[in-house]
Amino acid sequence: MAIAIAIFFLVILAFAVAGRTVDSRDSADWKPSDGGFRHP
């Protein structure tokens, strides 16, 4: 089981190093808003 977990994290690391991952955060938690509308 430990080997499977290690392989899983190594695959994630390899994809991250290769630039195949996407940052899904849209920063909506810190952008200022004016009545619910976001400023560009």
N, C-alpha and C. Protein backbone atom coordinates (compact mmCIF):
# COMPACT_ATOMS: atom_id res chain seq x y z
N MET A 1 0.83 -1.20 0.00
CA MET A 1 0.00 0.00 0.00
C MET A 1 0.87 1.26 0.00
N ALA A 2 1.95 1.24 0.77
CA ALA A 2 2.84 2.40 0.83
C ALA A 2 3.48 2.66 -0.53
N ILE A 3 3.77 1.58 -1.26
CA ILE A 3 4.37 1.75 -2.59
C ILE A 3 3.38 2.41 -3.54
N ALA A 4 2.11 2.04 -3.45
CA ALA A 4 1.09 2.65 -4.31
C ALA A 4 0.94 4.14 -4.02
N ILE A 5 0.98 4.50 -2.76
CA ILE A 5 0.88 5.93 -2.39
C ILE A 5 2.09 6.69 -2.90
N ALA A 6 3.28 6.10 -2.75
CA ALA A 6 4.50 6.75 -3.23
C ALA A 6 4.46 6.93 -4.74
N ILE A 7 4.00 5.92 -5.46
CA ILE A 7 3.90 6.02 -6.92
C ILE A 7 2.90 7.10 -7.31
N PHE A 8 1.79 7.18 -6.60
CA PHE A 8 0.78 8.21 -6.86
C PHE A 8 1.38 9.61 -6.75
N PHE A 9 2.12 9.85 -5.66
CA PHE A 9 2.71 11.17 -5.47
C PHE A 9 3.84 11.44 -6.46
N LEU A 10 4.56 10.42 -6.85
CA LEU A 10 5.60 10.60 -7.86
C LEU A 10 5.00 10.96 -9.22
N VAL A 11 3.86 10.36 -9.54
CA VAL A 11 3.18 10.70 -10.80
C VAL A 11 2.70 12.15 -10.77
N ILE A 12 2.13 12.56 -9.66
CA ILE A 12 1.69 13.96 -9.51
C ILE A 12 2.88 14.90 -9.63
N LEU A 13 3.98 14.56 -8.99
CA LEU A 13 5.19 15.38 -9.06
C LEU A 13 5.70 15.47 -10.49
N ALA A 14 5.70 14.36 -11.20
CA ALA A 14 6.18 14.36 -12.58
C ALA A 14 5.31 15.24 -13.46
N PHE A 15 4.00 15.17 -13.29
CA PHE A 15 3.10 16.02 -14.08
C PHE A 15 3.30 17.49 -13.73
N ALA A 16 3.53 17.80 -12.47
CA ALA A 16 3.74 19.19 -12.06
C ALA A 16 5.03 19.74 -12.65
N VAL A 17 6.08 18.95 -12.62
CA VAL A 17 7.36 19.39 -13.18
C VAL A 17 7.25 19.57 -14.69
N ALA A 18 6.48 18.72 -15.34
CA ALA A 18 6.31 18.81 -16.80
C ALA A 18 5.36 19.93 -17.20
N GLY A 19 4.71 20.60 -16.23
CA GLY A 19 3.80 21.70 -16.54
C GLY A 19 2.44 21.24 -17.00
N ARG A 20 2.03 20.04 -16.64
CA ARG A 20 0.75 19.49 -17.09
C ARG A 20 -0.36 19.72 -16.07
N THR A 21 -0.11 20.45 -15.01
CA THR A 21 -1.13 20.71 -14.01
C THR A 21 -1.69 22.12 -14.18
N VAL A 22 -2.87 22.35 -13.67
CA VAL A 22 -3.54 23.63 -13.81
C VAL A 22 -3.91 24.14 -12.42
N ASP A 23 -3.67 25.42 -12.18
CA ASP A 23 -4.07 26.03 -10.92
C ASP A 23 -5.54 26.40 -11.04
N SER A 24 -6.39 25.69 -10.32
CA SER A 24 -7.83 25.90 -10.45
C SER A 24 -8.35 27.02 -9.56
N ARG A 25 -7.48 27.61 -8.77
CA ARG A 25 -7.94 28.71 -7.90
C ARG A 25 -8.22 29.94 -8.74
N ASP A 26 -9.35 30.57 -8.53
CA ASP A 26 -9.69 31.76 -9.31
C ASP A 26 -9.49 33.04 -8.50
N SER A 27 -8.92 32.93 -7.33
CA SER A 27 -8.61 34.06 -6.44
C SER A 27 -9.85 34.84 -6.04
N ALA A 28 -11.03 34.23 -6.11
CA ALA A 28 -12.26 34.92 -5.76
C ALA A 28 -12.35 35.21 -4.27
N ASP A 29 -11.51 34.55 -3.47
CA ASP A 29 -11.58 34.78 -2.04
C ASP A 29 -10.85 36.04 -1.59
N TRP A 30 -10.04 36.62 -2.46
CA TRP A 30 -9.32 37.82 -2.03
C TRP A 30 -9.50 39.02 -2.96
N LYS A 31 -10.15 38.84 -4.11
CA LYS A 31 -10.35 39.98 -5.00
C LYS A 31 -11.37 40.95 -4.42
N PRO A 32 -11.11 42.24 -4.56
CA PRO A 32 -12.09 43.21 -4.07
C PRO A 32 -13.37 43.17 -4.89
N SER A 33 -14.47 43.48 -4.25
CA SER A 33 -15.73 43.53 -4.97
C SER A 33 -16.48 44.80 -4.59
N ASP A 34 -17.37 45.20 -5.47
CA ASP A 34 -18.20 46.38 -5.24
C ASP A 34 -19.65 45.95 -5.41
N GLY A 35 -20.30 45.64 -4.32
CA GLY A 35 -21.67 45.16 -4.39
C GLY A 35 -21.79 43.79 -5.05
N GLY A 36 -20.75 42.98 -4.92
CA GLY A 36 -20.76 41.66 -5.50
C GLY A 36 -20.15 41.57 -6.89
N PHE A 37 -19.80 42.74 -7.47
CA PHE A 37 -19.18 42.75 -8.79
C PHE A 37 -17.66 42.84 -8.62
N ARG A 38 -16.94 42.03 -9.37
CA ARG A 38 -15.48 42.00 -9.28
C ARG A 38 -14.87 43.11 -10.12
N HIS A 39 -13.83 43.69 -9.57
CA HIS A 39 -13.06 44.70 -10.32
C HIS A 39 -12.00 43.99 -11.14
N PRO A 40 -11.77 44.40 -12.37
CA PRO A 40 -10.76 43.74 -13.21
C PRO A 40 -9.35 43.97 -12.70
